[in-house]
Protein backbone atom coordinates (compact mmCIF):
# COMPACT_ATOMS: atom_id res chain seq x y z
CA MET A 1 9.41 -2.82 12.91
CA SER A 2 10.06 0.55 11.00
CA GLU A 3 13.80 -0.03 11.25
CA LEU A 4 13.62 -3.67 10.07
CA PHE A 5 13.69 -3.03 6.12
CA ARG A 6 14.82 0.51 6.09
CA ALA A 7 18.37 -0.10 4.67
CA LYS A 8 18.06 -3.81 3.75
CA GLY A 9 15.73 -6.10 2.06
CA TYR A 10 16.87 -9.14 4.04
CA ALA A 11 16.32 -10.15 7.66
CA PRO A 12 18.66 -12.63 9.32
CA GLY A 13 17.02 -15.86 10.32
CA GLY A 14 14.16 -15.09 8.04
CA PHE A 15 11.51 -14.82 10.82
CA VAL A 16 9.97 -11.50 11.48
CA MET A 17 7.42 -10.32 14.09
CA ASN A 18 4.94 -7.87 13.33
CA SER A 19 2.87 -5.39 15.57
CA LYS A 20 0.34 -8.04 16.38
CA GLN A 21 3.29 -10.13 17.70
CA GLU A 22 2.72 -12.62 14.82
CA VAL A 23 5.71 -14.35 13.51
CA MET A 24 6.18 -14.29 9.62
CA GLU A 25 8.45 -16.61 7.83
CA MET A 26 9.68 -14.32 5.07
CA ALA A 27 11.53 -16.94 3.17
CA ALA A 28 8.13 -18.86 2.85
CA LEU A 29 6.59 -16.08 0.79
CA PRO A 30 6.74 -16.06 -2.91
CA PRO A 31 9.83 -14.09 -3.91
CA PHE A 32 8.15 -11.44 -5.79
CA LEU A 33 5.46 -10.91 -3.09
CA ARG A 34 8.33 -10.71 -0.48
CA THR A 35 10.01 -8.18 -2.69
CA LEU A 36 6.84 -5.95 -2.79
CA LEU A 37 6.51 -6.10 0.87
CA VAL A 38 9.84 -4.66 1.72
CA THR A 39 10.46 -2.23 -1.09
CA ASP A 40 9.91 1.60 -0.91
CA GLY A 41 9.24 1.82 -4.62
CA THR A 42 5.87 2.25 -6.23
CA VAL A 43 4.00 -1.08 -6.59
CA THR A 44 2.32 -0.12 -9.81
CA LYS A 45 5.60 0.11 -11.62
CA SER A 46 6.93 -3.12 -10.28
CA LEU A 47 3.77 -5.01 -11.08
CA GLU A 48 3.89 -3.84 -14.66
CA ALA A 49 7.46 -4.84 -14.86
CA TYR A 50 7.04 -8.28 -13.33
CA PHE A 51 3.67 -9.38 -15.14
CA TRP A 52 4.57 -7.33 -18.25
CA GLU A 53 1.18 -5.64 -18.65
CA VAL A 54 -0.39 -2.30 -17.90
CA VAL A 55 -1.69 -2.08 -14.68
CA ASN A 56 -4.74 0.22 -14.20
CA VAL A 57 -5.72 2.04 -10.77
CA GLU A 58 -9.35 1.51 -10.31
CA ASN A 59 -10.74 4.10 -7.87
CA LEU A 60 -13.16 2.20 -5.52
CA GLY A 61 -14.11 5.40 -3.70
CA GLN A 62 -12.63 8.45 -1.86
CA GLN A 63 -13.98 10.74 0.76
CA GLU A 64 -12.87 13.79 2.37
CA LEU A 65 -13.59 13.76 6.05
CA THR A 66 -13.04 15.26 9.42
CA VAL A 67 -11.04 12.80 11.59
CA GLU A 68 -12.81 11.88 14.84
CA GLU A 69 -9.91 10.09 16.56
CA ALA A 70 -6.26 10.78 16.77
CA ILE A 71 -4.03 8.91 14.24
CA GLU A 72 -0.48 8.92 15.69
CA ARG A 73 1.16 7.39 12.79
CA LEU A 74 0.12 10.59 10.65
CA ASN A 75 0.22 13.02 13.52
CA ILE A 76 -3.54 13.67 12.99
CA THR A 77 -5.62 15.06 15.83
CA PRO A 78 -9.51 15.02 16.02
CA GLY A 79 -10.96 17.68 13.90
CA ASP A 80 -8.16 17.52 11.23
CA SER A 81 -9.28 16.91 7.59
CA ALA A 82 -8.09 14.03 5.54
CA LEU A 83 -8.94 12.13 2.42
CA ARG A 84 -9.56 8.36 2.61
CA ARG A 85 -9.15 6.62 -0.70
CA GLU A 86 -9.63 3.00 -1.90
CA VAL A 87 -8.24 1.57 -5.12
CA ARG A 88 -7.29 -1.67 -6.59
CA LEU A 89 -4.66 -2.36 -9.09
CA VAL A 90 -5.80 -4.55 -12.04
CA GLY A 91 -4.03 -5.97 -15.06
CA ALA A 92 -5.47 -4.30 -18.26
CA ASP A 93 -5.04 -7.65 -20.20
CA SER A 94 -5.46 -10.36 -17.64
CA GLY A 95 -7.97 -8.55 -15.45
CA THR A 96 -6.29 -9.92 -12.40
CA ALA A 97 -6.74 -7.81 -9.31
CA PHE A 98 -3.16 -7.67 -7.92
CA VAL A 99 -3.65 -5.56 -4.84
CA TYR A 100 -6.16 -3.74 -2.83
CA ALA A 101 -5.06 -0.30 -1.26
CA ARG A 102 -6.54 1.89 1.35
CA SER A 103 -5.00 5.39 1.83
CA LEU A 104 -5.40 8.20 4.42
CA LEU A 105 -3.92 11.58 3.25
CA ARG A 106 -3.26 14.81 5.06
CA LEU A 107 -4.27 16.99 2.06
CA ASN A 108 -3.07 20.29 3.68
CA LEU A 109 0.58 18.99 3.35
CA LEU A 110 0.38 18.44 -0.48
CA PRO A 111 1.03 21.21 -3.09
CA GLU A 112 -2.33 22.36 -4.53
CA ASP A 113 -1.59 20.95 -8.10
CA LEU A 114 -0.90 17.49 -6.45
CA ARG A 115 -4.14 17.78 -4.15
CA ALA A 116 -6.29 18.48 -7.25
CA GLN A 117 -4.91 15.36 -9.13
CA ILE A 118 -5.49 13.08 -6.04
CA ARG A 119 -8.96 14.44 -5.71
CA ALA A 120 -9.53 13.63 -9.30
CA GLY A 121 -8.70 10.02 -8.42
CA LYS A 122 -7.33 8.90 -11.82
CA ILE A 123 -3.90 7.43 -11.18
CA GLY A 124 -2.03 5.95 -8.13
CA ILE A 125 -0.64 8.02 -5.40
CA GLY A 126 3.00 6.68 -6.17
CA GLU A 127 2.61 7.66 -9.71
CA LEU A 128 1.53 11.17 -8.88
CA LEU A 129 4.37 11.60 -6.50
CA ARG A 130 6.83 10.40 -8.94
CA GLU A 131 5.56 12.57 -11.86
CA CYS A 132 5.29 15.64 -9.58
CA GLY A 133 8.98 15.07 -8.60
CA LEU A 134 7.94 15.23 -5.01
CA GLU A 135 10.93 14.08 -2.81
CA THR A 136 9.25 11.80 -0.07
CA PHE A 137 10.34 9.11 2.27
CA ARG A 138 8.63 5.85 2.67
CA GLU A 139 8.69 3.90 5.85
CA LEU A 140 7.58 0.32 6.37
CA LEU A 141 5.40 0.19 9.58
CA ASP A 142 3.93 -3.20 9.58
CA PHE A 143 2.82 -6.31 7.79
CA GLY A 144 1.06 -9.68 8.15
CA THR A 145 -1.62 -12.01 6.83
CA GLU A 146 -5.31 -12.13 7.21
CA PRO A 147 -8.16 -14.03 5.32
CA ALA A 148 -9.67 -11.90 2.45
CA GLY A 149 -13.04 -11.88 4.26
CA ALA A 150 -15.04 -8.81 2.92
CA LEU A 151 -12.33 -7.97 0.23
CA ALA A 152 -12.77 -11.34 -1.43
CA GLU A 153 -15.30 -10.01 -4.10
CA VAL A 154 -13.02 -6.93 -4.71
CA LEU A 155 -10.04 -9.11 -5.28
CA GLY A 156 -11.72 -12.01 -7.03
CA VAL A 157 -10.76 -14.60 -4.31
CA ALA A 158 -12.62 -16.70 -1.82
CA ALA A 159 -13.22 -15.31 1.66
CA ASP A 160 -10.94 -17.74 3.33
CA ASP A 161 -7.99 -17.10 0.81
CA GLU A 162 -5.06 -15.49 2.42
CA LEU A 163 -4.06 -11.80 1.97
CA VAL A 164 -0.59 -10.52 2.77
CA TYR A 165 -0.67 -6.90 3.83
CA ARG A 166 1.78 -4.11 4.49
CA VAL A 167 1.37 -0.73 6.13
CA TYR A 168 3.66 2.08 5.27
CA ARG A 169 3.98 5.80 5.80
CA ILE A 170 4.92 8.47 3.13
CA SER A 171 6.46 11.64 4.54
CA PHE A 172 7.18 14.89 2.94
CA HIS A 173 9.60 17.43 4.52
CA GLN A 174 9.95 14.96 7.50
CA GLU A 175 6.21 15.32 8.20
CA PRO A 176 3.78 12.19 7.87
CA MET A 177 1.59 12.84 5.03
CA ILE A 178 0.07 9.54 3.74
CA LEU A 179 -0.69 6.18 5.45
CA VAL A 180 -1.21 3.33 2.91
CA THR A 181 -2.31 -0.34 3.58
CA GLU A 182 -1.93 -2.63 0.72
CA LYS A 183 -3.31 -6.12 0.57
CA PHE A 184 -2.06 -8.74 -1.82
CA PRO A 185 -3.91 -12.02 -2.72
CA ARG A 186 -1.06 -14.61 -1.86
CA ALA A 187 -2.41 -17.19 -4.37
CA ILE A 188 -1.78 -14.82 -7.31
CA TYR A 189 1.83 -14.58 -6.40
CA GLU A 190 2.29 -18.20 -5.67
CA HIS A 191 1.37 -19.12 -9.14
CA ALA A 192 3.22 -16.01 -10.76
CA PRO A 193 5.78 -16.90 -13.73
């Protein structure tokens, strides 16, 4: 899966299998949503350019924790410390919740000034990395669809509305540093301009 959209934004045939062995028809997705799924750029900046409004990062909570189980995608072993963070990106004018994101960060890999800014929780991780000029590598690991369920209220949709998600990893000096899961309410992108 991680090799699929590394160099290109297109998959021959248009059908892609995720880690759950579910087949996704990429061409059936709204074009801008499909773009967000395969891009390695920051989502906030793309949303602002497409919907032409300021997009605010609303911190829904973050917690420093000691990891209890190994997380291979981040090279984390039990006992390591990490920061779990949940945010949503909301249009300043429209009030539209464009995406929910959950991140797990290995704080010990980040420069101290960046660690302090992330702990403050004021802006998105992608914005911080860009503003600090940190050279990172993003790698798409998985994507798929699921019902909104418990995230319905957070995103302002019905519990049975479809969310399209992607999971990607951000590495620094070839070391996995941040694991991000983003969930997009499909209906917002179906009716986008």
